[in-house]
């Protein structure tokens, strides 16, 4: 069995995918890849949202791994193919409830 070569991992801060607006605030959206020792040749990605600007310092939210592809390029393409509405819905689901 021949293993497919893996590309260099994304930077620690992730790959910037988009900037979206949600409830009057701008959020930077990143793709982060995580390793899965059970599937070493898959590329599992999650989406991280960071509140933009000085006011948002340290405020972020993450999805679980929602992108699972066989190549780095496919994982990046899948993340970049998400539109503003999809990303906003993911952000809403990742933010803690305001109770």
N, C-alpha and C. Protein backbone atom coordinates (compact mmCIF):
# COMPACT_ATOMS: atom_id res chain seq x y z
N UNK A 1 0.85 -1.17 0.00
CA UNK A 1 0.00 0.00 0.00
C UNK A 1 0.89 1.24 0.00
N UNK A 2 0.67 2.13 -0.93
CA UNK A 2 1.46 3.33 -1.04
C UNK A 2 0.71 4.49 -0.39
N UNK A 3 1.40 5.23 0.43
CA UNK A 3 0.79 6.37 1.11
C UNK A 3 0.90 7.59 0.22
N UNK A 4 -0.19 8.34 0.16
CA UNK A 4 -0.15 9.60 -0.57
C UNK A 4 0.64 10.61 0.25
N UNK A 5 1.50 11.40 -0.39
CA UNK A 5 2.27 12.38 0.37
C UNK A 5 1.37 13.46 0.92
N UNK A 6 1.67 13.89 2.14
CA UNK A 6 0.92 14.98 2.76
C UNK A 6 1.66 16.27 2.50
N UNK A 7 0.94 17.32 2.27
CA UNK A 7 1.55 18.63 2.11
C UNK A 7 1.87 19.20 3.48
N UNK A 8 2.66 20.24 3.47
CA UNK A 8 2.98 20.92 4.73
C UNK A 8 1.68 21.38 5.38
N UNK A 9 1.60 21.29 6.69
CA UNK A 9 0.38 21.70 7.37
C UNK A 9 0.13 23.19 7.22
N UNK A 10 -1.10 23.58 7.44
CA UNK A 10 -1.45 24.99 7.42
C UNK A 10 -0.70 25.70 8.54
N UNK A 11 -0.53 27.01 8.43
CA UNK A 11 0.09 27.74 9.52
C UNK A 11 -0.71 27.52 10.81
N UNK A 12 -0.05 27.69 11.94
CA UNK A 12 -0.69 27.45 13.23
C UNK A 12 -1.95 28.28 13.39
N UNK A 13 -1.98 29.45 12.82
CA UNK A 13 -3.17 30.30 12.95
C UNK A 13 -4.26 29.94 11.95
N UNK A 14 -4.01 29.02 11.06
CA UNK A 14 -5.00 28.60 10.08
C UNK A 14 -4.89 29.38 8.78
N UNK A 15 -5.68 28.96 7.82
CA UNK A 15 -5.72 29.60 6.50
C UNK A 15 -6.93 30.50 6.45
N UNK A 16 -6.72 31.78 6.19
CA UNK A 16 -7.84 32.73 6.12
C UNK A 16 -8.74 32.36 4.95
N UNK A 17 -10.04 32.24 5.23
CA UNK A 17 -11.01 31.82 4.22
C UNK A 17 -11.90 32.99 3.79
N UNK A 18 -12.35 33.79 4.76
CA UNK A 18 -13.29 34.87 4.44
C UNK A 18 -13.40 35.82 5.62
N UNK A 19 -14.00 36.96 5.36
CA UNK A 19 -14.43 37.89 6.40
C UNK A 19 -15.93 38.01 6.25
N UNK A 20 -16.66 37.81 7.35
CA UNK A 20 -18.12 37.88 7.28
C UNK A 20 -18.64 38.87 8.31
N UNK A 21 -19.85 39.37 8.07
CA UNK A 21 -20.53 40.24 9.02
C UNK A 21 -21.61 39.43 9.73
N UNK A 22 -21.68 39.62 11.05
CA UNK A 22 -22.70 38.95 11.85
C UNK A 22 -23.08 39.89 12.99
N UNK A 23 -24.35 40.25 13.05
CA UNK A 23 -24.89 41.14 14.07
C UNK A 23 -24.06 42.41 14.23
N UNK A 24 -23.73 43.02 13.11
CA UNK A 24 -23.02 44.29 13.11
C UNK A 24 -21.54 44.21 13.41
N UNK A 25 -20.99 43.01 13.47
CA UNK A 25 -19.56 42.85 13.74
C UNK A 25 -18.91 42.04 12.62
N UNK A 26 -17.63 42.31 12.40
CA UNK A 26 -16.89 41.55 11.39
C UNK A 26 -16.15 40.40 12.07
N UNK A 27 -16.19 39.25 11.42
CA UNK A 27 -15.52 38.06 11.90
C UNK A 27 -14.58 37.53 10.82
N UNK A 28 -13.34 37.26 11.20
CA UNK A 28 -12.37 36.63 10.30
C UNK A 28 -12.58 35.12 10.41
N UNK A 29 -12.59 34.45 9.27
CA UNK A 29 -12.87 33.02 9.21
C UNK A 29 -11.63 32.28 8.72
N UNK A 30 -11.27 31.20 9.45
CA UNK A 30 -10.06 30.45 9.15
C UNK A 30 -10.36 28.96 9.06
N UNK A 31 -9.63 28.28 8.21
CA UNK A 31 -9.65 26.82 8.15
C UNK A 31 -8.48 26.31 8.96
N UNK A 32 -8.77 25.44 9.91
CA UNK A 32 -7.71 24.77 10.69
C UNK A 32 -7.79 23.29 10.41
N UNK A 33 -6.66 22.67 10.14
CA UNK A 33 -6.62 21.22 9.95
C UNK A 33 -6.19 20.55 11.24
N UNK A 34 -6.79 19.41 11.52
CA UNK A 34 -6.40 18.64 12.70
C UNK A 34 -6.05 17.23 12.27
N UNK A 35 -5.14 16.62 12.99
CA UNK A 35 -4.73 15.25 12.69
C UNK A 35 -5.70 14.26 13.31
N UNK A 36 -5.94 13.20 12.60
CA UNK A 36 -6.73 12.09 13.11
C UNK A 36 -5.87 10.84 12.98
N UNK A 37 -5.31 10.34 14.08
CA UNK A 37 -4.42 9.18 13.98
C UNK A 37 -5.09 7.95 13.40
N UNK A 38 -6.43 7.88 13.48
CA UNK A 38 -7.14 6.73 12.92
C UNK A 38 -7.24 6.82 11.40
N UNK A 39 -7.13 8.03 10.86
CA UNK A 39 -7.19 8.25 9.41
C UNK A 39 -6.06 9.19 9.01
N UNK A 40 -4.83 8.72 9.04
CA UNK A 40 -3.69 9.61 8.82
C UNK A 40 -3.61 10.23 7.43
N UNK A 41 -4.30 9.67 6.46
CA UNK A 41 -4.23 10.22 5.11
C UNK A 41 -5.42 11.11 4.76
N UNK A 42 -6.27 11.40 5.74
CA UNK A 42 -7.39 12.29 5.48
C UNK A 42 -7.05 13.69 5.99
N UNK A 43 -7.71 14.66 5.46
CA UNK A 43 -7.53 16.05 5.86
C UNK A 43 -8.84 16.50 6.50
N UNK A 44 -8.81 16.65 7.83
CA UNK A 44 -10.00 17.02 8.61
C UNK A 44 -9.87 18.48 9.00
N UNK A 45 -10.87 19.26 8.62
CA UNK A 45 -10.80 20.68 8.89
C UNK A 45 -11.97 21.19 9.71
N UNK A 46 -11.67 22.18 10.53
CA UNK A 46 -12.71 22.89 11.27
C UNK A 46 -12.63 24.35 10.88
N UNK A 47 -13.69 25.06 11.17
CA UNK A 47 -13.73 26.49 10.86
C UNK A 47 -13.64 27.25 12.18
N UNK A 48 -12.68 28.21 12.23
CA UNK A 48 -12.54 29.07 13.40
C UNK A 48 -12.94 30.49 13.02
N UNK A 49 -13.67 31.13 13.89
CA UNK A 49 -14.11 32.51 13.69
C UNK A 49 -13.47 33.38 14.75
N UNK A 50 -12.79 34.44 14.34
CA UNK A 50 -12.20 35.40 15.27
C UNK A 50 -12.86 36.75 15.05
N UNK A 51 -13.33 37.35 16.14
CA UNK A 51 -13.92 38.68 16.05
C UNK A 51 -12.84 39.67 15.64
N UNK A 52 -13.10 40.44 14.60
CA UNK A 52 -12.11 41.36 14.05
C UNK A 52 -12.02 42.62 14.91
N UNK A 53 -10.90 43.28 14.84
CA UNK A 53 -10.71 44.55 15.53
C UNK A 53 -10.21 44.40 16.95
N UNK A 54 -9.81 45.51 17.52
CA UNK A 54 -9.25 45.52 18.87
C UNK A 54 -10.28 45.09 19.91
N UNK A 55 -11.54 45.42 19.68
CA UNK A 55 -12.60 45.05 20.63
C UNK A 55 -12.78 43.54 20.72
N UNK A 56 -12.43 42.84 19.68
CA UNK A 56 -12.66 41.40 19.65
C UNK A 56 -11.47 40.57 20.06
N UNK A 57 -10.45 41.21 20.58
CA UNK A 57 -9.23 40.49 20.95
C UNK A 57 -9.54 39.27 21.82
N UNK A 58 -9.19 38.12 21.30
CA UNK A 58 -9.37 36.89 22.06
C UNK A 58 -10.74 36.26 21.95
N UNK A 59 -11.69 36.90 21.30
CA UNK A 59 -13.02 36.31 21.18
C UNK A 59 -13.07 35.48 19.90
N UNK A 60 -13.29 34.20 20.07
CA UNK A 60 -13.35 33.32 18.91
C UNK A 60 -14.31 32.17 19.19
N UNK A 61 -14.66 31.48 18.12
CA UNK A 61 -15.54 30.31 18.19
C UNK A 61 -15.08 29.34 17.12
N UNK A 62 -15.28 28.04 17.39
CA UNK A 62 -14.86 27.01 16.44
C UNK A 62 -15.99 26.01 16.22
N UNK A 63 -16.01 25.46 15.02
CA UNK A 63 -16.88 24.33 14.74
C UNK A 63 -16.11 23.06 15.10
N UNK A 64 -16.78 21.95 15.04
CA UNK A 64 -16.08 20.67 15.11
C UNK A 64 -15.52 20.41 13.72
N UNK A 65 -14.82 19.32 13.52
CA UNK A 65 -14.31 18.99 12.18
C UNK A 65 -15.49 18.73 11.26
N UNK A 66 -15.67 19.61 10.29
CA UNK A 66 -16.80 19.48 9.36
C UNK A 66 -16.35 19.24 7.94
N UNK A 67 -15.06 19.34 7.71
CA UNK A 67 -14.51 19.10 6.37
C UNK A 67 -13.59 17.89 6.47
N UNK A 68 -13.90 16.85 5.72
CA UNK A 68 -13.06 15.65 5.70
C UNK A 68 -12.82 15.30 4.23
N UNK A 69 -11.60 15.48 3.79
CA UNK A 69 -11.26 15.27 2.38
C UNK A 69 -10.00 14.42 2.27
N UNK A 70 -9.75 13.92 1.08
CA UNK A 70 -8.59 13.07 0.82
C UNK A 70 -7.34 13.86 0.48
N UNK A 71 -7.48 15.15 0.20
CA UNK A 71 -6.29 15.94 -0.11
C UNK A 71 -6.41 17.32 0.52
N UNK A 72 -5.25 17.93 0.71
CA UNK A 72 -5.17 19.29 1.23
C UNK A 72 -5.95 20.24 0.34
N UNK A 73 -5.75 20.13 -0.96
CA UNK A 73 -6.40 21.02 -1.91
C UNK A 73 -7.92 20.91 -1.84
N UNK A 74 -8.43 19.67 -1.71
CA UNK A 74 -9.88 19.48 -1.61
C UNK A 74 -10.43 20.10 -0.33
N UNK A 75 -9.69 19.99 0.76
CA UNK A 75 -10.14 20.59 2.02
C UNK A 75 -10.19 22.11 1.91
N UNK A 76 -9.17 22.70 1.32
CA UNK A 76 -9.14 24.15 1.14
C UNK A 76 -10.26 24.58 0.19
N UNK A 77 -10.44 23.87 -0.91
CA UNK A 77 -11.51 24.21 -1.87
C UNK A 77 -12.88 24.14 -1.21
N UNK A 78 -13.09 23.13 -0.38
CA UNK A 78 -14.39 22.98 0.30
C UNK A 78 -14.64 24.17 1.23
N UNK A 79 -13.63 24.58 1.98
CA UNK A 79 -13.79 25.72 2.89
C UNK A 79 -14.04 27.01 2.11
N UNK A 80 -13.30 27.21 1.04
CA UNK A 80 -13.45 28.44 0.26
C UNK A 80 -14.75 28.48 -0.54
N UNK A 81 -15.37 27.33 -0.74
CA UNK A 81 -16.63 27.28 -1.49
C UNK A 81 -17.83 27.68 -0.64
N UNK A 82 -17.65 27.76 0.67
CA UNK A 82 -18.76 28.14 1.54
C UNK A 82 -19.10 29.61 1.32
N UNK A 83 -20.40 29.89 1.20
CA UNK A 83 -20.79 31.28 0.99
C UNK A 83 -21.03 31.97 2.33
N UNK A 84 -21.31 33.28 2.27
CA UNK A 84 -21.49 34.08 3.48
C UNK A 84 -22.60 33.55 4.37
N UNK A 85 -23.69 33.08 3.77
CA UNK A 85 -24.82 32.58 4.56
C UNK A 85 -24.44 31.30 5.30
N UNK A 86 -23.73 30.41 4.65
CA UNK A 86 -23.29 29.17 5.30
C UNK A 86 -22.34 29.47 6.45
N UNK A 87 -21.38 30.37 6.21
CA UNK A 87 -20.43 30.71 7.26
C UNK A 87 -21.12 31.39 8.44
N UNK A 88 -22.08 32.27 8.16
CA UNK A 88 -22.81 32.94 9.24
C UNK A 88 -23.61 31.92 10.05
N UNK A 89 -24.20 30.94 9.39
CA UNK A 89 -24.95 29.90 10.11
C UNK A 89 -24.00 29.07 10.98
N UNK A 90 -22.83 28.75 10.47
CA UNK A 90 -21.85 28.01 11.26
C UNK A 90 -21.40 28.84 12.46
N UNK A 91 -21.19 30.13 12.26
CA UNK A 91 -20.80 31.00 13.37
C UNK A 91 -21.88 31.03 14.44
N UNK A 92 -23.13 31.20 14.03
CA UNK A 92 -24.24 31.22 15.00
C UNK A 92 -24.28 29.93 15.81
N UNK A 93 -24.04 28.81 15.15
CA UNK A 93 -24.10 27.53 15.86
C UNK A 93 -22.89 27.32 16.78
N UNK A 94 -21.78 28.01 16.50
CA UNK A 94 -20.57 27.85 17.30
C UNK A 94 -20.49 28.82 18.48
N UNK A 95 -21.24 29.91 18.40
CA UNK A 95 -21.20 30.89 19.48
C UNK A 95 -21.94 30.37 20.71
N UNK A 96 -21.46 30.71 21.90
CA UNK A 96 -22.19 30.28 23.10
C UNK A 96 -23.53 31.00 23.20
N UNK A 97 -24.48 30.34 23.84
CA UNK A 97 -25.80 30.95 24.04
C UNK A 97 -25.65 32.15 24.97
N UNK A 98 -26.33 33.22 24.62
CA UNK A 98 -26.34 34.43 25.47
C UNK A 98 -27.50 34.31 26.43
N UNK A 99 -27.28 33.74 27.58
CA UNK A 99 -28.37 33.54 28.55
C UNK A 99 -28.26 34.47 29.72
